[in-house]
Amino acid sequence: MRSLVLFMTERLLALQEGESGQDLIEYALIAALIALAAVAGMNFVAIQINSGFSIVGNTLMNAI
């Protein structure tokens, strides 16, 4: 466990010194933006699906 902590600390320090850390942060921000858009889009889709099932359920109830 201790070696893992030391390894991660060394990797973080190496990222801080190099420019590759900036790229990593940029990619993380892009991934977060895509995830946020996906969640917002799925919320809209879920509302539409729920509305569709409600319409079908009401139609079936009225047909009986």
PDB file of N, CA and C in Angstrom:
ATOM      1  N   MET A   1       0.829  -1.192   0.000  1.00  0.00           N
ATOM      2  CA  MET A   1       0.000   0.000   0.000  1.00  0.00           C
ATOM      3  C   MET A   1       0.870   1.251   0.000  1.00  0.00           C
ATOM      4  N   ARG A   2       1.921   1.219   0.812  1.00  0.00           N
ATOM      5  CA  ARG A   2       2.806   2.381   0.914  1.00  0.00           C
ATOM      6  C   ARG A   2       3.512   2.640  -0.412  1.00  0.00           C
ATOM      7  N   SER A   3       3.897   1.562  -1.101  1.00  0.00           N
ATOM      8  CA  SER A   3       4.575   1.745  -2.384  1.00  0.00           C
ATOM      9  C   SER A   3       3.623   2.345  -3.417  1.00  0.00           C
ATOM     10  N   LEU A   4       2.342   2.005  -3.319  1.00  0.00           N
ATOM     11  CA  LEU A   4       1.359   2.569  -4.230  1.00  0.00           C
ATOM     12  C   LEU A   4       1.217   4.066  -4.006  1.00  0.00           C
ATOM     13  N   VAL A   5       1.201   4.476  -2.755  1.00  0.00           N
ATOM     14  CA  VAL A   5       1.104   5.900  -2.434  1.00  0.00           C
ATOM     15  C   VAL A   5       2.337   6.639  -2.941  1.00  0.00           C
ATOM     16  N   LEU A   6       3.506   6.063  -2.743  1.00  0.00           N
ATOM     17  CA  LEU A   6       4.733   6.696  -3.242  1.00  0.00           C
ATOM     18  C   LEU A   6       4.730   6.773  -4.760  1.00  0.00           C
ATOM     19  N   PHE A   7       4.287   5.703  -5.401  1.00  0.00           N
ATOM     20  CA  PHE A   7       4.217   5.686  -6.857  1.00  0.00           C
ATOM     21  C   PHE A   7       3.293   6.775  -7.377  1.00  0.00           C
ATOM     22  N   MET A   8       2.102   6.882  -6.773  1.00  0.00           N
ATOM     23  CA  MET A   8       1.137   7.894  -7.211  1.00  0.00           C
ATOM     24  C   MET A   8       1.675   9.303  -6.950  1.00  0.00           C
ATOM     25  N   THR A   9       2.355   9.502  -5.832  1.00  0.00           N
ATOM     26  CA  THR A   9       2.937  10.814  -5.535  1.00  0.00           C
ATOM     27  C   THR A   9       3.991  11.179  -6.566  1.00  0.00           C
ATOM     28  N   GLU A  10       4.828  10.231  -6.923  1.00  0.00           N
ATOM     29  CA  GLU A  10       5.857  10.477  -7.940  1.00  0.00           C
ATOM     30  C   GLU A  10       5.220  10.795  -9.286  1.00  0.00           C
ATOM     31  N   ARG A  11       4.175  10.072  -9.642  1.00  0.00           N
ATOM     32  CA  ARG A  11       3.506  10.314 -10.927  1.00  0.00           C
ATOM     33  C   ARG A  11       2.860  11.699 -10.960  1.00  0.00           C
ATOM     34  N   LEU A  12       2.246  12.104  -9.856  1.00  0.00           N
ATOM     35  CA  LEU A  12       1.620  13.422  -9.801  1.00  0.00           C
ATOM     36  C   LEU A  12       2.660  14.529  -9.891  1.00  0.00           C
ATOM     37  N   LEU A  13       3.795  14.333  -9.239  1.00  0.00           N
ATOM     38  CA  LEU A  13       4.860  15.334  -9.322  1.00  0.00           C
ATOM     39  C   LEU A  13       5.423  15.407 -10.741  1.00  0.00           C
ATOM     40  N   ALA A  14       5.534  14.264 -11.399  1.00  0.00           N
ATOM     41  CA  ALA A  14       6.026  14.254 -12.772  1.00  0.00           C
ATOM     42  C   ALA A  14       5.043  14.963 -13.699  1.00  0.00           C
ATOM     43  N   LEU A  15       3.760  14.781 -13.469  1.00  0.00           N
ATOM     44  CA  LEU A  15       2.762  15.473 -14.285  1.00  0.00           C
ATOM     45  C   LEU A  15       2.810  16.980 -14.062  1.00  0.00           C
ATOM     46  N   GLN A  16       3.086  17.367 -12.834  1.00  0.00           N
ATOM     47  CA  GLN A  16       3.139  18.788 -12.515  1.00  0.00           C
ATOM     48  C   GLN A  16       4.319  19.454 -13.222  1.00  0.00           C
ATOM     49  N   GLU A  17       5.436  18.754 -13.328  1.00  0.00           N
ATOM     50  CA  GLU A  17       6.625  19.327 -13.949  1.00  0.00           C
ATOM     51  C   GLU A  17       6.547  19.346 -15.466  1.00  0.00           C
ATOM     52  N   GLY A  18       5.886  18.360 -16.059  1.00  0.00           N
ATOM     53  CA  GLY A  18       5.844  18.267 -17.512  1.00  0.00           C
ATOM     54  C   GLY A  18       4.620  18.949 -18.089  1.00  0.00           C
ATOM     55  N   GLU A  19       4.628  19.081 -19.402  1.00  0.00           N
ATOM     56  CA  GLU A  19       3.486  19.677 -20.085  1.00  0.00           C
ATOM     57  C   GLU A  19       2.392  18.659 -20.349  1.00  0.00           C
ATOM     58  N   SER A  20       2.689  17.389 -20.183  1.00  0.00           N
ATOM     59  CA  SER A  20       1.667  16.381 -20.427  1.00  0.00           C
ATOM     60  C   SER A  20       0.546  16.475 -19.403  1.00  0.00           C
ATOM     61  N   GLY A  21       0.827  17.058 -18.262  1.00  0.00           N
ATOM     62  CA  GLY A  21      -0.212  17.256 -17.254  1.00  0.00           C
ATOM     63  C   GLY A  21      -1.291  18.203 -17.745  1.00  0.00           C
ATOM     64  N   GLN A  22      -0.887  19.200 -18.520  1.00  0.00           N
ATOM     65  CA  GLN A  22      -1.871  20.134 -19.069  1.00  0.00           C
ATOM     66  C   GLN A  22      -2.801  19.419 -20.038  1.00  0.00           C
ATOM     67  N   ASP A  23      -2.240  18.564 -20.862  1.00  0.00           N
ATOM     68  CA  ASP A  23      -3.063  17.801 -21.796  1.00  0.00           C
ATOM     69  C   ASP A  23      -4.046  16.917 -21.043  1.00  0.00           C
ATOM     70  N   LEU A  24      -3.570  16.301 -19.960  1.00  0.00           N
ATOM     71  CA  LEU A  24      -4.427  15.430 -19.169  1.00  0.00           C
ATOM     72  C   LEU A  24      -5.596  16.212 -18.586  1.00  0.00           C
ATOM     73  N   ILE A  25      -5.344  17.389 -18.096  1.00  0.00           N
ATOM     74  CA  ILE A  25      -6.411  18.220 -17.528  1.00  0.00           C
ATOM     75  C   ILE A  25      -7.395  18.635 -18.618  1.00  0.00           C
ATOM     76  N   GLU A  26      -6.884  18.981 -19.785  1.00  0.00           N
ATOM     77  CA  GLU A  26      -7.769  19.363 -20.882  1.00  0.00           C
ATOM     78  C   GLU A  26      -8.666  18.198 -21.299  1.00  0.00           C
ATOM     79  N   TYR A  27      -8.090  17.011 -21.389  1.00  0.00           N
ATOM     80  CA  TYR A  27      -8.885  15.838 -21.742  1.00  0.00           C
ATOM     81  C   TYR A  27      -9.917  15.535 -20.665  1.00  0.00           C
ATOM     82  N   ALA A  28      -9.553  15.716 -19.408  1.00  0.00           N
ATOM     83  CA  ALA A  28     -10.493  15.482 -18.314  1.00  0.00           C
ATOM     84  C   ALA A  28     -11.653  16.481 -18.383  1.00  0.00           C
ATOM     85  N   LEU A  29     -11.356  17.726 -18.705  1.00  0.00           N
ATOM     86  CA  LEU A  29     -12.418  18.725 -18.825  1.00  0.00           C
ATOM     87  C   LEU A  29     -13.343  18.413 -20.002  1.00  0.00           C
ATOM     88  N   ILE A  30     -12.777  17.978 -21.098  1.00  0.00           N
ATOM     89  CA  ILE A  30     -13.599  17.604 -22.259  1.00  0.00           C
ATOM     90  C   ILE A  30     -14.479  16.409 -21.915  1.00  0.00           C
ATOM     91  N   ALA A  31     -13.912  15.417 -21.232  1.00  0.00           N
ATOM     92  CA  ALA A  31     -14.693  14.245 -20.841  1.00  0.00           C
ATOM     93  C   ALA A  31     -15.814  14.636 -19.889  1.00  0.00           C
ATOM     94  N   ALA A  32     -15.545  15.556 -18.971  1.00  0.00           N
ATOM     95  CA  ALA A  32     -16.576  16.013 -18.038  1.00  0.00           C
ATOM     96  C   ALA A  32     -17.688  16.749 -18.782  1.00  0.00           C
ATOM     97  N   LEU A  33     -17.322  17.552 -19.764  1.00  0.00           N
ATOM     98  CA  LEU A  33     -18.328  18.274 -20.556  1.00  0.00           C
ATOM     99  C   LEU A  33     -19.200  17.304 -21.353  1.00  0.00           C
ATOM    100  N   ILE A  34     -18.583  16.293 -21.934  1.00  0.00           N
ATOM    101  CA  ILE A  34     -19.342  15.285 -22.682  1.00  0.00           C
ATOM    102  C   ILE A  34     -20.270  14.521 -21.745  1.00  0.00           C
ATOM    103  N   ALA A  35     -19.782  14.187 -20.554  1.00  0.00           N
ATOM    104  CA  ALA A  35     -20.616  13.474 -19.587  1.00  0.00           C
ATOM    105  C   ALA A  35     -21.805  14.327 -19.158  1.00  0.00           C
ATOM    106  N   LEU A  36     -21.568  15.603 -18.941  1.00  0.00           N
ATOM    107  CA  LEU A  36     -22.652  16.505 -18.543  1.00  0.00           C
ATOM    108  C   LEU A  36     -23.703  16.603 -19.648  1.00  0.00           C
ATOM    109  N   ALA A  37     -23.262  16.718 -20.884  1.00  0.00           N
ATOM    110  CA  ALA A  37     -24.195  16.779 -22.015  1.00  0.00           C
ATOM    111  C   ALA A  37     -24.972  15.470 -22.146  1.00  0.00           C
ATOM    112  N   ALA A  38     -24.303  14.351 -21.907  1.00  0.00           N
ATOM    113  CA  ALA A  38     -24.984  13.055 -21.999  1.00  0.00           C
ATOM    114  C   ALA A  38     -26.052  12.922 -20.920  1.00  0.00           C
ATOM    115  N   VAL A  39     -25.740  13.370 -19.707  1.00  0.00           N
ATOM    116  CA  VAL A  39     -26.718  13.292 -18.620  1.00  0.00           C
ATOM    117  C   VAL A  39     -27.914  14.180 -18.929  1.00  0.00           C
ATOM    118  N   ALA A  40     -27.660  15.382 -19.406  1.00  0.00           N
ATOM    119  CA  ALA A  40     -28.760  16.278 -19.750  1.00  0.00           C
ATOM    120  C   ALA A  40     -29.595  15.698 -20.888  1.00  0.00           C
ATOM    121  N   GLY A  41     -28.957  15.126 -21.870  1.00  0.00           N
ATOM    122  CA  GLY A  41     -29.671  14.515 -22.988  1.00  0.00           C
ATOM    123  C   GLY A  41     -30.482  13.313 -22.556  1.00  0.00           C
ATOM    124  N   MET A  42     -29.937  12.493 -21.685  1.00  0.00           N
ATOM    125  CA  MET A  42     -30.660  11.321 -21.201  1.00  0.00           C
ATOM    126  C   MET A  42     -31.867  11.728 -20.365  1.00  0.00           C
ATOM    127  N   ASN A  43     -31.756  12.817 -19.630  1.00  0.00           N
ATOM    128  CA  ASN A  43     -32.893  13.306 -18.851  1.00  0.00           C
ATOM    129  C   ASN A  43     -34.039  13.681 -19.788  1.00  0.00           C
ATOM    130  N   PHE A  44     -33.735  14.369 -20.863  1.00  0.00           N
ATOM    131  CA  PHE A  44     -34.752  14.739 -21.847  1.00  0.00           C
ATOM    132  C   PHE A  44     -35.372  13.499 -22.474  1.00  0.00           C
ATOM    133  N   VAL A  45     -34.543  12.541 -22.846  1.00  0.00           N
ATOM    134  CA  VAL A  45     -35.042  11.307 -23.466  1.00  0.00           C
ATOM    135  C   VAL A  45     -35.922  10.544 -22.478  1.00  0.00           C
ATOM    136  N   ALA A  46     -35.519  10.486 -21.209  1.00  0.00           N
ATOM    137  CA  ALA A  46     -36.306   9.776 -20.203  1.00  0.00           C
ATOM    138  C   ALA A  46     -37.685  10.411 -20.031  1.00  0.00           C
ATOM    139  N   ILE A  47     -37.745  11.725 -20.048  1.00  0.00           N
ATOM    140  CA  ILE A  47     -39.031  12.415 -19.930  1.00  0.00           C
ATOM    141  C   ILE A  47     -39.924  12.078 -21.128  1.00  0.00           C
ATOM    142  N   GLN A  48     -39.356  12.068 -22.314  1.00  0.00           N
ATOM    143  CA  GLN A  48     -40.127  11.756 -23.516  1.00  0.00           C
ATOM    144  C   GLN A  48     -40.625  10.310 -23.510  1.00  0.00           C
ATOM    145  N   ILE A  49     -39.778   9.386 -23.057  1.00  0.00           N
ATOM    146  CA  ILE A  49     -40.183   7.974 -22.989  1.00  0.00           C
ATOM    147  C   ILE A  49     -41.303   7.800 -21.966  1.00  0.00           C
ATOM    148  N   ASN A  50     -41.157   8.449 -20.820  1.00  0.00           N
ATOM    149  CA  ASN A  50     -42.189   8.375 -19.790  1.00  0.00           C
ATOM    150  C   ASN A  50     -43.518   8.924 -20.307  1.00  0.00           C
ATOM    151  N   SER A  51     -43.446  10.018 -21.025  1.00  0.00           N
ATOM    152  CA  SER A  51     -44.659  10.598 -21.609  1.00  0.00           C
ATOM    153  C   SER A  51     -45.290   9.638 -22.617  1.00  0.00           C
ATOM    154  N   GLY A  52     -44.479   9.010 -23.433  1.00  0.00           N
ATOM    155  CA  GLY A  52     -44.989   8.053 -24.416  1.00  0.00           C
ATOM    156  C   GLY A  52     -45.673   6.871 -23.757  1.00  0.00           C
ATOM    157  N   PHE A  53     -45.064   6.319 -22.700  1.00  0.00           N
ATOM    158  CA  PHE A  53     -45.688   5.198 -21.995  1.00  0.00           C
ATOM    159  C   PHE A  53     -46.981   5.627 -21.320  1.00  0.00           C
ATOM    160  N   SER A  54     -47.037   6.844 -20.817  1.00  0.00           N
ATOM    161  CA  SER A  54     -48.268   7.331 -20.189  1.00  0.00           C
ATOM    162  C   SER A  54     -49.395   7.427 -21.213  1.00  0.00           C
ATOM    163  N   ILE A  55     -49.068   7.919 -22.391  1.00  0.00           N
ATOM    164  CA  ILE A  55     -50.082   8.021 -23.456  1.00  0.00           C
ATOM    165  C   ILE A  55     -50.590   6.640 -23.845  1.00  0.00           C
ATOM    166  N   VAL A  56     -49.671   5.691 -24.014  1.00  0.00           N
ATOM    167  CA  VAL A  56     -50.066   4.324 -24.379  1.00  0.00           C
ATOM    168  C   VAL A  56     -50.910   3.712 -23.271  1.00  0.00           C
ATOM    169  N   GLY A  57     -50.503   3.906 -22.015  1.00  0.00           N
ATOM    170  CA  GLY A  57     -51.273   3.354 -20.884  1.00  0.00           C
ATOM    171  C   GLY A  57     -52.666   3.947 -20.800  1.00  0.00           C
ATOM    172  N   ASN A  58     -52.770   5.255 -20.994  1.00  0.00           N
ATOM    173  CA  ASN A  58     -54.090   5.886 -20.958  1.00  0.00           C
ATOM    174  C   ASN A  58     -54.975   5.408 -22.114  1.00  0.00           C
ATOM    175  N   THR A  59     -54.390   5.250 -23.270  1.00  0.00           N
ATOM    176  CA  THR A  59     -55.141   4.763 -24.431  1.00  0.00           C
ATOM    177  C   THR A  59     -55.663   3.345 -24.178  1.00  0.00           C
ATOM    178  N   LEU A  60     -54.823   2.492 -23.596  1.00  0.00           N
ATOM    179  CA  LEU A  60     -55.261   1.136 -23.308  1.00  0.00           C
ATOM    180  C   LEU A  60     -56.349   1.102 -22.231  1.00  0.00           C
ATOM    181  N   MET A  61     -56.213   1.954 -21.222  1.00  0.00           N
ATOM    182  CA  MET A  61     -57.236   2.018 -20.169  1.00  0.00           C
ATOM    183  C   MET A  61     -58.576   2.493 -20.741  1.00  0.00           C
ATOM    184  N   ASN A  62     -58.535   3.457 -21.640  1.00  0.00           N
ATOM    185  CA  ASN A  62     -59.769   3.960 -22.243  1.00  0.00           C
ATOM    186  C   ASN A  62     -60.403   2.958 -23.204  1.00  0.00           C
ATOM    187  N   ALA A  63     -59.573   2.095 -23.788  1.00  0.00           N
ATOM    188  CA  ALA A  63     -60.087   1.087 -24.732  1.00  0.00           C
ATOM    189  C   ALA A  63     -60.814  -0.024 -24.001  1.00  0.00           C
ATOM    190  N   ILE A  64     -60.489  -0.221 -22.749  1.00  0.00           N
ATOM    191  CA  ILE A  64     -61.142  -1.314 -21.982  1.00  0.00           C
ATOM    192  C   ILE A  64     -62.430  -0.819 -21.475  1.00  0.00           C
TER     193      ILE A  64
END
